[in-house]
């Protein structure tokens, strides 16, 4: 279930943003500093939140530490946006019996494992940004960095262009996600209402048969029957092992999505290992399966 989605207040230069680690343990310390420098160069004040450099196995600290950091940043009235350091794994562990305080909504930015937080926020009617985490931000092309700040500061966003599979034009709320993470959120309280939505999916380091398995799960549980269209970003490092008898990931996507009767656009510029265009969660979007475009009506 989902509430109607609204945007948090747009950012202004001089605002305070807080850095937290919600998922995997941080190891890219130089990249983190470069990402913070990008924000500082844009006129923002950047602070490190609680427990940002902690380690607990493969996690960035215990669940209690990471919840504490998230809650303190969210409740801090001075903080206007939360910057996730990296993905990995662990965001969903924070959300068991979790309730978002609704009195001070703010932007939360990340992708990959951060999908859990983005989709959870959507269920309570708060938009967020599917976009670069702090440790990948400095490696983004200048146009992608500009797009992120255009989104956060309330300016319009250019369409993304890919390869259309046909199917015509549809409009609906946009729900970007990492496929693996979103698959594990299906039919849980963290899944937003996908009826009439446009899905935007990406993934990394998943063998083609695993992509097949996940998409087949979406088919079997009826999730694809709810949506109006599918936008596909980058599926990077998703090759089969050398010497194995396998379809390519592109062939799997065609096989599992091409017969749904939905507009599909592939090859869009978001995801891992390349340009990761910022996508506001829950914004109104138009997907053109013939022309291969994804247009965002943002801000609206």
Protein backbone atom coordinates (compact mmCIF):
# COMPACT_ATOMS: atom_id res chain seq x y z
CA UNK A 1 0.00 0.00 0.00
CA UNK A 2 1.12 3.59 -0.64
CA UNK A 3 -0.01 7.06 0.25
CA UNK A 4 -0.09 9.87 -2.35
CA UNK A 5 3.54 10.92 -2.80
CA UNK A 6 4.77 14.44 -2.08
CA UNK A 7 8.21 15.99 -2.43
CA UNK A 8 10.22 17.13 0.60
CA UNK A 9 11.28 20.80 0.58
CA UNK A 10 13.75 21.47 -2.22
CA UNK A 11 17.31 22.26 -1.20
CA UNK A 12 19.06 25.61 -1.17
CA UNK A 13 22.74 26.40 -1.01
CA UNK A 14 23.85 26.66 2.60
CA UNK A 15 21.60 23.81 3.72
CA UNK A 16 23.03 21.11 5.95
CA UNK A 17 23.19 17.54 4.61
CA UNK A 18 24.10 14.50 6.70
CA UNK A 19 26.17 11.49 5.66
CA UNK A 20 25.20 8.06 7.03
CA UNK A 21 25.98 4.42 6.27
CA UNK A 22 22.77 2.40 6.19
CA UNK A 23 23.97 -0.76 4.48
CA UNK A 24 27.39 -2.29 3.81
CA UNK A 25 30.55 -1.40 5.71
CA UNK A 26 32.38 1.55 4.19
CA UNK A 27 35.72 0.88 2.54
CA UNK A 28 35.93 3.58 -0.16
CA UNK A 29 37.19 6.39 2.10
CA UNK A 30 38.89 8.42 -0.64
CA UNK A 31 35.75 8.24 -2.78
CA UNK A 32 33.69 9.34 0.22
CA UNK A 33 35.81 12.45 0.68
CA UNK A 34 35.58 13.27 -3.03
CA UNK A 35 31.81 12.90 -2.88
CA UNK A 36 31.58 15.26 0.06
CA UNK A 37 33.75 17.73 -1.84
CA UNK A 38 31.21 17.72 -4.67
CA UNK A 39 28.50 18.76 -2.22
CA UNK A 40 30.71 21.40 -0.60
CA UNK A 41 31.57 22.83 -4.02
CA UNK A 42 27.83 23.31 -4.56
CA UNK A 43 27.57 25.44 -1.44
CA UNK A 44 26.23 22.87 1.03
CA UNK A 45 27.32 22.16 4.58
CA UNK A 46 28.19 18.48 4.99
CA UNK A 47 28.35 16.63 8.29
CA UNK A 48 29.14 13.01 9.12
CA UNK A 49 26.33 11.36 11.04
CA UNK A 50 26.61 8.82 13.82
CA UNK A 51 28.44 5.52 13.28
CA UNK A 52 29.24 6.25 9.62
CA UNK A 53 32.54 4.30 9.74
CA UNK A 54 31.48 1.38 11.94
CA UNK A 55 31.79 -2.27 10.92
CA UNK A 56 29.80 -5.29 12.06
CA UNK A 57 30.65 -8.17 9.75
CA UNK A 58 29.59 -7.02 6.28
CA UNK A 59 27.37 -4.30 7.75
CA UNK A 60 28.17 -0.69 8.57
CA UNK A 61 27.62 -1.27 12.27
CA UNK A 62 24.91 -3.05 14.19
CA UNK A 63 21.26 -2.63 13.24
CA UNK A 64 20.82 -0.50 16.35
CA UNK A 65 23.71 1.80 15.38
CA UNK A 66 22.49 2.22 11.82
CA UNK A 67 18.89 2.86 12.92
CA UNK A 68 20.18 5.42 15.42
CA UNK A 69 22.12 7.24 12.70
CA UNK A 70 19.12 7.24 10.34
CA UNK A 71 16.68 8.41 13.01
CA UNK A 72 18.94 11.18 14.32
CA UNK A 73 19.57 12.55 10.84
CA UNK A 74 15.88 12.32 9.94
CA UNK A 75 14.74 14.09 13.12
CA UNK A 76 17.39 16.81 13.01
CA UNK A 77 15.49 19.95 11.90
CA UNK A 78 18.70 21.49 10.52
CA UNK A 79 19.40 18.53 8.25
CA UNK A 80 17.68 18.92 4.87
CA UNK A 81 18.94 15.77 3.10
CA UNK A 82 20.44 12.40 3.96
CA UNK A 83 23.32 11.13 1.82
CA UNK A 84 23.93 7.39 1.89
CA UNK A 85 27.60 6.48 1.67
CA UNK A 86 27.22 3.21 -0.25
CA UNK A 87 24.96 0.24 -0.93
CA UNK A 88 25.98 -3.36 -0.35
CA UNK A 89 23.45 -4.98 1.94
CA UNK A 90 21.59 -4.15 5.11
CA UNK A 91 18.96 -1.44 4.58
CA UNK A 92 16.01 -3.84 4.86
CA UNK A 93 17.24 -4.99 8.29
CA UNK A 94 16.61 -1.47 9.57
CA UNK A 95 12.99 -1.44 8.47
CA UNK A 96 11.56 -4.27 10.52
CA UNK A 97 9.02 -2.62 12.84
CA UNK A 98 10.30 0.78 11.68
CA UNK A 99 8.10 3.87 11.43
CA UNK A 100 9.21 7.00 9.62
CA UNK A 101 8.60 10.20 11.59
CA UNK A 102 6.37 12.21 9.25
CA UNK A 103 6.72 15.67 10.75
CA UNK A 104 10.01 16.62 9.02
CA UNK A 105 10.31 14.96 5.60
CA UNK A 106 13.62 15.40 3.80
CA UNK A 107 15.42 14.03 0.77
CA UNK A 108 17.21 10.72 0.99
CA UNK A 109 19.61 9.87 -1.83
CA UNK A 110 21.00 6.50 -2.91
CA UNK A 111 20.44 3.42 -5.06
CA UNK A 112 21.17 -0.32 -5.13
CA UNK A 113 20.58 -1.62 -1.59
CA UNK A 114 19.16 1.80 -0.65
CA UNK A 115 16.09 0.73 -2.67
CA UNK A 116 14.70 -0.61 0.61
CA UNK A 117 14.68 2.88 2.14
CA UNK A 118 13.40 4.55 -1.03
CA UNK A 119 10.46 2.19 -1.38
CA UNK A 120 9.68 2.29 2.33
CA UNK A 121 9.49 6.09 2.19
CA UNK A 122 7.12 5.83 -0.77
CA UNK A 123 4.69 3.74 1.28
CA UNK A 124 4.26 6.72 3.64
CA UNK A 125 3.97 9.25 0.81
CA UNK A 126 7.48 10.74 0.76
CA UNK A 127 9.56 11.00 -2.41
CA UNK A 128 13.31 10.39 -2.46
CA UNK A 129 16.06 10.21 -5.07
CA UNK A 130 17.25 7.03 -6.76
CA UNK A 131 20.70 8.26 -7.69
CA UNK A 132 24.42 8.14 -6.93
CA UNK A 133 25.55 7.23 -3.44
CA UNK A 134 28.23 9.47 -1.98
CA UNK A 135 31.10 7.11 -2.85
CA UNK A 136 30.14 7.05 -6.54
CA UNK A 137 29.13 10.70 -6.96
CA UNK A 138 32.56 12.11 -7.87
CA UNK A 139 32.91 9.56 -10.70
CA UNK A 140 29.65 10.65 -12.30
CA UNK A 141 29.91 12.79 -15.44
CA UNK A 142 29.31 16.49 -14.89
CA UNK A 143 25.89 16.22 -16.57
CA UNK A 144 24.80 13.51 -14.14
CA UNK A 145 26.00 15.49 -11.13
CA UNK A 146 24.09 18.49 -12.43
CA UNK A 147 20.98 16.38 -12.90
CA UNK A 148 21.13 15.28 -9.24
CA UNK A 149 21.27 18.85 -8.01
CA UNK A 150 18.61 19.92 -10.50
CA UNK A 151 16.31 17.32 -8.94
CA UNK A 152 17.12 18.25 -5.36
CA UNK A 153 16.83 21.98 -6.02
CA UNK A 154 13.50 21.67 -7.85
CA UNK A 155 14.43 22.16 -11.50
CA UNK A 156 13.14 20.19 -14.47
CA UNK A 157 14.86 17.00 -15.62
CA UNK A 158 15.68 16.03 -19.19
CA UNK A 159 14.20 12.82 -20.65
CA UNK A 160 16.31 9.67 -20.76
CA UNK A 161 16.65 7.96 -24.12
CA UNK A 162 17.09 4.23 -24.72
CA UNK A 163 15.90 1.47 -27.02
CA UNK A 164 12.15 1.12 -27.35
CA UNK A 165 10.62 -2.35 -27.63
CA UNK A 166 7.28 -0.99 -28.81
CA UNK A 167 4.00 -0.93 -26.94
CA UNK A 168 3.02 2.71 -27.22
CA UNK A 169 3.00 5.44 -24.58
CA UNK A 170 1.93 5.17 -20.94
CA UNK A 171 2.04 7.44 -17.90
CA UNK A 172 2.25 6.65 -14.21
CA UNK A 173 4.21 7.06 -11.00
CA UNK A 174 7.85 6.11 -11.38
CA UNK A 175 9.33 3.52 -9.03
CA UNK A 176 13.07 3.04 -9.62
CA UNK A 177 14.74 0.07 -7.95
CA UNK A 178 17.49 -2.46 -7.90
CA UNK A 179 15.85 -5.64 -9.18
CA UNK A 180 17.36 -7.94 -6.56
CA UNK A 181 16.38 -5.71 -3.65
CA UNK A 182 12.90 -4.98 -5.02
CA UNK A 183 12.24 -8.68 -5.57
CA UNK A 184 12.82 -9.30 -1.88
CA UNK A 185 10.42 -6.47 -0.97
CA UNK A 186 7.49 -7.85 -2.98
CA UNK A 187 4.40 -8.57 -0.87
CA UNK A 188 5.97 -7.08 2.25
CA UNK A 189 4.90 -3.84 3.99
CA UNK A 190 7.87 -2.14 2.28
CA UNK A 191 6.43 -2.58 -1.21
CA UNK A 192 4.69 0.55 -2.50
CA UNK A 193 1.46 0.22 -4.43
CA UNK A 194 2.57 -0.60 -7.98
CA UNK A 195 -0.85 -0.36 -9.59
CA UNK A 196 -0.50 1.80 -12.69
CA UNK A 197 3.20 2.41 -12.02
CA UNK A 198 6.22 2.56 -14.28
CA UNK A 199 9.02 0.37 -12.97
CA UNK A 200 12.63 1.42 -13.55
CA UNK A 201 14.93 -1.54 -12.87
CA UNK A 202 18.70 -2.06 -12.80
CA UNK A 203 21.10 -4.62 -11.34
CA UNK A 204 24.74 -5.66 -11.03
CA UNK A 205 26.75 -8.90 -10.69
CA UNK A 206 23.76 -11.21 -11.12
CA UNK A 207 24.17 -14.15 -13.52
CA UNK A 208 21.52 -14.37 -16.26
CA UNK A 209 19.78 -17.34 -14.63
CA UNK A 210 19.38 -15.31 -11.43
CA UNK A 211 17.83 -12.43 -13.35
CA UNK A 212 15.54 -15.04 -14.95
CA UNK A 213 14.59 -16.41 -11.54
CA UNK A 214 13.73 -12.99 -10.16
CA UNK A 215 11.69 -11.90 -13.17
CA UNK A 216 9.88 -15.22 -13.15
CA UNK A 217 8.99 -14.58 -9.50
CA UNK A 218 7.48 -11.21 -10.50
CA UNK A 219 5.46 -13.00 -13.16
CA UNK A 220 4.26 -15.76 -10.84
CA UNK A 221 3.14 -13.41 -8.07
CA UNK A 222 1.29 -11.19 -10.54
CA UNK A 223 3.34 -8.05 -9.89
CA UNK A 224 3.81 -7.25 -13.57
CA UNK A 225 0.03 -7.29 -14.07
CA UNK A 226 -0.18 -4.18 -11.90
CA UNK A 227 2.29 -1.98 -13.77
CA UNK A 228 1.88 0.05 -16.96
CA UNK A 229 5.43 -0.06 -18.28
CA UNK A 230 9.03 -1.05 -17.57
CA UNK A 231 12.15 1.10 -17.96
CA UNK A 232 15.43 -0.81 -17.89
CA UNK A 233 18.71 0.72 -16.86
CA UNK A 234 22.11 -0.92 -16.80
CA UNK A 235 22.53 -4.61 -15.95
CA UNK A 236 26.27 -4.49 -15.45
CA UNK A 237 28.62 -7.41 -14.84
CA UNK A 238 25.68 -9.76 -15.34
CA UNK A 239 27.53 -12.10 -17.69
CA UNK A 240 27.37 -15.86 -17.38
CA UNK A 241 30.57 -17.67 -16.27
CA UNK A 242 32.96 -18.29 -19.13
CA UNK A 243 32.28 -21.61 -20.80
CA UNK A 244 28.78 -22.01 -19.39
CA UNK A 245 25.75 -22.76 -21.55
CA UNK A 246 23.71 -19.64 -20.91
CA UNK A 247 21.56 -16.97 -22.42
CA UNK A 248 22.91 -13.44 -22.15
CA UNK A 249 21.23 -11.10 -19.70
CA UNK A 250 19.79 -9.19 -22.68
CA UNK A 251 18.19 -12.40 -23.97
CA UNK A 252 16.76 -13.13 -20.52
CA UNK A 253 15.23 -9.65 -20.29
CA UNK A 254 13.64 -10.07 -23.72
CA UNK A 255 12.33 -13.52 -22.85
CA UNK A 256 10.83 -12.61 -19.48
CA UNK A 257 9.53 -9.10 -20.30
CA UNK A 258 8.87 -9.07 -24.04
CA UNK A 259 5.56 -10.95 -23.93
CA UNK A 260 3.90 -8.97 -21.14
CA UNK A 261 2.11 -6.61 -23.50
CA UNK A 262 3.70 -3.60 -21.79
CA UNK A 263 5.79 -0.76 -23.20
CA UNK A 264 9.44 -1.50 -22.40
CA UNK A 265 12.47 0.73 -22.91
CA UNK A 266 15.97 -0.66 -22.31
CA UNK A 267 19.47 0.79 -22.22
CA UNK A 268 18.58 3.84 -20.13
CA UNK A 269 21.38 5.68 -18.37
CA UNK A 270 20.97 4.66 -14.76
CA UNK A 271 22.43 1.94 -12.57
CA UNK A 272 25.88 0.67 -11.60
CA UNK A 273 29.18 1.06 -13.46
CA UNK A 274 28.34 4.13 -15.48
CA UNK A 275 26.17 7.21 -15.58
CA UNK A 276 23.50 6.95 -12.91
CA UNK A 277 20.83 9.52 -13.75
CA UNK A 278 18.87 10.78 -10.77
CA UNK A 279 15.26 9.55 -10.73
CA UNK A 280 12.78 10.97 -8.18
CA UNK A 281 10.74 8.18 -6.64
CA UNK A 282 7.02 8.53 -7.19
CA UNK A 283 7.18 11.40 -9.67
CA UNK A 284 4.82 11.30 -12.66
CA UNK A 285 6.55 9.84 -15.71
CA UNK A 286 5.79 9.06 -19.35
CA UNK A 287 7.32 5.98 -20.97
CA UNK A 288 7.32 5.81 -24.77
CA UNK A 289 7.97 2.24 -25.89
CA UNK A 290 8.06 3.29 -29.54
CA UNK A 291 10.44 6.24 -29.32
CA UNK A 292 12.47 4.78 -26.44
CA UNK A 293 12.10 7.69 -24.03
CA UNK A 294 11.43 8.16 -20.32
CA UNK A 295 10.11 11.64 -19.56
CA UNK A 296 9.68 12.91 -16.03
CA UNK A 297 7.06 15.48 -15.08
CA UNK A 298 9.17 16.94 -12.28
CA UNK A 299 8.67 19.02 -10.30
CA UNK A 300 4.90 18.81 -10.54
